[in-house]
Amino acid sequence: MSALSVLMEYYPYLFHPGVMVGGGLLVLMYLEWKRDGTGRGMLWKRYVTLAAVGTLSLLPTLAYMLATGQGPVETMQGNAWQVDFLVAGGMALVAAVLWYLWRRFEWGTVVPGALEAMVAVTVPYAALSPVWNVSGHVIFATMPTLYLVLVDRRFWPLLLVPAVMVPNRIYLDAHTWAQAIGGLLVASSLVVLVFGRRRDVSVTGVLDRAHG
């Protein structure tokens, strides 16, 4: 097996939707914390909150397994639309709870904006799945990376992740070109739309003005 084959085989696991969304939120929390100038304890408080709330993403899958009597492997194997629904439901639940907590404790506007973008791409992902197998890997590789770049342009190299994810889905015969590119276009347009409504979330702009 060639090095390219090995890379493409493991690529969707290295940049799994859970890794991309969770990692993107961690970086955004750090950037927001740096802007706020609060103590390091506040950063860890936000990280612990993310870790705790993140476990809620498993609730839809657990409920489905209890209702059907299926095990984890049997439930999550394959590329069925039911799996997409479970993933989307878990992400939407996490986003809603985190959004509420960030607003409740007034921890900033950067993370809530990302959570709104997360819900924005989750809805069409779930809605389209029963009729069109749009790529969730592409959608959730695009959403956090593009939002992070819009917040702080220094992160533009991260856009290589969704750029490679598109041909990866074709290489692994997981999706068609239309399904992979469609996921990229859906996620990109919705993230830009959400960000355009939230002009208060640009870390770069705030830091530039502070140092000007």
Protein backbone atom coordinates (compact mmCIF):
# COMPACT_ATOMS: atom_id res chain seq x y z
CA MET A 1 0.00 0.00 0.00
CA SER A 2 1.41 3.39 -1.01
CA ALA A 3 1.93 6.31 1.36
CA LEU A 4 -0.89 8.18 -0.41
CA SER A 5 -3.28 5.28 0.13
CA VAL A 6 -2.40 5.12 3.83
CA LEU A 7 -2.87 8.88 4.21
CA MET A 8 -6.22 8.88 2.45
CA GLU A 9 -7.39 5.85 4.42
CA TYR A 10 -6.70 7.49 7.78
CA TYR A 11 -7.51 11.08 6.77
CA PRO A 12 -11.24 10.97 7.68
CA TYR A 13 -10.31 9.61 11.11
CA LEU A 14 -7.59 12.18 11.76
CA PHE A 15 -9.99 14.96 10.77
CA HIS A 16 -13.20 13.37 11.99
CA PRO A 17 -16.15 15.78 12.48
CA GLY A 18 -15.86 15.43 16.25
CA VAL A 19 -12.15 16.25 16.14
CA MET A 20 -12.66 19.21 13.82
CA VAL A 21 -15.56 20.78 15.69
CA GLY A 22 -14.08 20.14 19.14
CA GLY A 23 -10.63 21.34 18.12
CA GLY A 24 -12.04 24.43 16.45
CA LEU A 25 -13.99 25.36 19.56
CA LEU A 26 -10.91 24.88 21.74
CA VAL A 27 -8.93 27.29 19.59
CA LEU A 28 -11.76 29.84 19.52
CA MET A 29 -12.08 29.65 23.30
CA TYR A 30 -8.37 30.32 23.65
CA LEU A 31 -8.51 33.31 21.29
CA GLU A 32 -11.51 34.73 23.10
CA TRP A 33 -9.82 34.23 26.46
CA LYS A 34 -6.70 36.05 25.22
CA ARG A 35 -8.87 38.94 24.08
CA ASP A 36 -10.72 39.10 27.40
CA GLY A 37 -7.51 39.23 29.45
CA THR A 38 -9.02 37.14 32.28
CA GLY A 39 -7.08 34.69 34.46
CA ARG A 40 -5.96 31.27 33.24
CA GLY A 41 -8.49 29.68 35.54
CA MET A 42 -11.26 31.12 33.37
CA LEU A 43 -9.77 29.41 30.31
CA TRP A 44 -9.78 26.04 32.03
CA LYS A 45 -13.30 26.64 33.25
CA ARG A 46 -14.40 27.06 29.63
CA TYR A 47 -12.45 23.99 28.53
CA VAL A 48 -14.02 21.85 31.25
CA THR A 49 -17.45 23.16 30.27
CA LEU A 50 -16.83 22.11 26.66
CA ALA A 51 -15.69 18.65 27.74
CA ALA A 52 -18.69 18.15 30.01
CA VAL A 53 -21.27 19.43 27.55
CA GLY A 54 -19.61 17.52 24.72
CA THR A 55 -20.72 14.24 26.28
CA LEU A 56 -24.30 15.24 25.47
CA SER A 57 -23.55 14.53 21.82
CA LEU A 58 -23.87 10.83 22.69
CA LEU A 59 -27.45 11.12 23.97
CA PRO A 60 -29.25 10.76 20.59
CA THR A 61 -27.17 7.68 19.77
CA LEU A 62 -27.74 6.14 23.20
CA ALA A 63 -31.49 6.78 22.94
CA TYR A 64 -31.53 5.18 19.48
CA MET A 65 -29.67 2.10 20.73
CA LEU A 66 -32.04 1.71 23.66
CA ALA A 67 -35.06 2.01 21.37
CA THR A 68 -33.76 -0.44 18.75
CA GLY A 69 -31.69 -2.79 20.91
CA GLN A 70 -28.69 -2.36 18.61
CA GLY A 71 -25.09 -2.14 19.80
CA PRO A 72 -22.67 0.74 19.08
CA VAL A 73 -20.94 -0.96 16.13
CA GLU A 74 -24.19 -2.06 14.54
CA THR A 75 -25.69 1.40 14.99
CA MET A 76 -22.82 3.47 13.62
CA GLN A 77 -21.57 1.23 10.81
CA GLY A 78 -22.22 2.07 7.19
CA ASN A 79 -23.37 5.33 5.65
CA ALA A 80 -27.07 5.30 6.53
CA TRP A 81 -29.04 8.51 6.88
CA GLN A 82 -30.06 7.46 10.39
CA VAL A 83 -26.42 7.77 11.45
CA ASP A 84 -26.30 11.27 9.98
CA PHE A 85 -29.40 12.16 11.99
CA LEU A 86 -27.83 10.89 15.21
CA VAL A 87 -24.62 12.86 14.58
CA ALA A 88 -26.55 16.00 13.66
CA GLY A 89 -28.81 15.69 16.68
CA GLY A 90 -25.87 15.31 19.04
CA MET A 91 -24.04 18.30 17.59
CA ALA A 92 -27.13 20.49 17.67
CA LEU A 93 -27.75 19.58 21.32
CA VAL A 94 -24.18 20.42 22.30
CA ALA A 95 -24.30 23.70 20.37
CA ALA A 96 -27.56 24.76 22.02
CA VAL A 97 -26.35 24.05 25.57
CA LEU A 98 -22.97 25.71 25.03
CA TRP A 99 -24.60 28.75 23.41
CA TYR A 100 -26.87 29.15 26.43
CA LEU A 101 -24.01 28.83 28.93
CA TRP A 102 -21.77 31.27 27.05
CA ARG A 103 -24.55 33.85 26.98
CA ARG A 104 -25.61 33.11 30.56
CA PHE A 105 -22.10 33.65 31.97
CA GLU A 106 -21.22 36.40 29.47
CA TRP A 107 -18.05 34.66 28.32
CA GLY A 108 -17.93 36.49 25.00
CA THR A 109 -19.35 36.55 21.48
CA VAL A 110 -16.78 34.56 19.50
CA VAL A 111 -17.83 31.08 20.62
CA PRO A 112 -21.61 31.72 20.40
CA GLY A 113 -21.11 32.87 16.81
CA ALA A 114 -19.34 29.61 15.99
CA LEU A 115 -22.12 27.64 17.66
CA GLU A 116 -24.70 29.43 15.54
CA ALA A 117 -22.71 28.48 12.44
CA MET A 118 -22.58 24.91 13.71
CA VAL A 119 -26.36 24.71 14.00
CA ALA A 120 -26.75 26.45 10.64
CA VAL A 121 -24.84 23.68 8.82
CA THR A 122 -26.30 20.87 10.93
CA VAL A 123 -29.89 21.57 9.87
CA PRO A 124 -29.42 21.09 6.10
CA TYR A 125 -27.06 18.18 6.75
CA ALA A 126 -29.81 16.34 8.63
CA ALA A 127 -32.57 17.46 6.26
CA LEU A 128 -30.73 16.39 3.11
CA SER A 129 -29.41 13.06 4.38
CA PRO A 130 -32.57 10.97 3.74
CA VAL A 131 -32.75 12.09 0.11
CA TRP A 132 -29.16 13.02 -0.75
CA ASN A 133 -26.01 11.59 0.84
CA VAL A 134 -24.24 14.92 1.30
CA SER A 135 -20.81 14.55 2.92
CA GLY A 136 -20.82 15.24 6.64
CA HIS A 137 -17.05 14.92 6.76
CA VAL A 138 -16.72 17.78 4.29
CA ILE A 139 -19.35 19.91 6.02
CA PHE A 140 -17.79 19.56 9.46
CA ALA A 141 -14.26 20.01 8.15
CA THR A 142 -15.33 23.24 6.46
CA MET A 143 -17.44 24.80 9.21
CA PRO A 144 -14.85 25.13 12.02
CA THR A 145 -11.87 25.89 9.77
CA LEU A 146 -13.61 28.55 7.70
CA TYR A 147 -15.15 30.18 10.76
CA LEU A 148 -11.77 30.26 12.47
CA VAL A 149 -10.19 31.88 9.42
CA LEU A 150 -12.95 34.50 9.29
CA VAL A 151 -12.36 35.25 12.96
CA ASP A 152 -8.57 35.35 12.63
CA ARG A 153 -7.10 35.29 9.12
CA ARG A 154 -3.78 33.90 10.37
CA PHE A 155 -5.39 30.44 10.40
CA TRP A 156 -5.92 30.33 6.62
CA PRO A 157 -3.68 27.21 6.15
CA LEU A 158 -6.37 25.20 7.95
CA LEU A 159 -8.54 25.53 4.86
CA LEU A 160 -6.36 22.78 3.38
CA VAL A 161 -8.22 20.30 5.59
CA PRO A 162 -11.61 20.61 3.81
CA ALA A 163 -9.80 21.09 0.48
CA VAL A 164 -8.25 17.63 0.84
CA MET A 165 -11.38 16.13 2.42
CA VAL A 166 -13.35 16.67 -0.80
CA PRO A 167 -11.21 14.38 -3.01
CA ASN A 168 -10.70 12.05 -0.04
CA ARG A 169 -14.39 11.16 -0.01
CA ILE A 170 -14.18 10.31 -3.72
CA TYR A 171 -10.94 8.35 -3.29
CA LEU A 172 -12.54 6.19 -0.59
CA ASP A 173 -15.71 5.78 -2.66
CA ALA A 174 -17.73 7.22 0.23
CA HIS A 175 -19.42 9.98 -1.79
CA THR A 176 -19.78 11.33 -5.30
CA TRP A 177 -18.18 14.57 -6.44
CA ALA A 178 -21.58 16.27 -6.25
CA GLN A 179 -22.10 15.14 -2.65
CA ALA A 180 -18.61 16.21 -1.55
CA ILE A 181 -18.59 19.56 -3.35
CA GLY A 182 -22.20 20.12 -2.31
CA GLY A 183 -21.17 19.76 1.33
CA LEU A 184 -18.37 22.27 0.81
CA LEU A 185 -20.70 24.81 -0.80
CA VAL A 186 -23.47 24.38 1.77
CA ALA A 187 -21.11 24.77 4.73
CA SER A 188 -19.15 27.66 3.21
CA SER A 189 -22.21 29.71 2.28
CA LEU A 190 -23.89 29.25 5.66
CA VAL A 191 -20.75 29.98 7.69
CA VAL A 192 -20.13 33.18 5.72
CA LEU A 193 -23.78 34.15 6.16
CA VAL A 194 -23.70 33.62 9.93
CA PHE A 195 -20.38 35.40 10.29
CA GLY A 196 -21.63 38.32 8.24
CA ARG A 197 -24.42 38.83 10.76
CA ARG A 198 -21.97 38.71 13.70
CA ARG A 199 -19.52 41.56 13.11
CA ASP A 200 -18.56 41.46 16.79
CA VAL A 201 -16.68 38.17 16.59
CA SER A 202 -13.50 39.09 14.71
CA VAL A 203 -10.58 38.56 17.07
CA THR A 204 -8.09 39.96 14.56
CA GLY A 205 -10.01 43.19 14.19
CA VAL A 206 -10.25 43.73 17.94
CA LEU A 207 -6.55 43.04 18.50
CA ASP A 208 -5.55 45.27 15.59
CA ARG A 209 -7.52 48.16 17.02
CA ALA A 210 -6.16 47.54 20.50
CA HIS A 211 -2.58 47.68 19.24
CA GLY A 212 -3.12 50.56 16.83
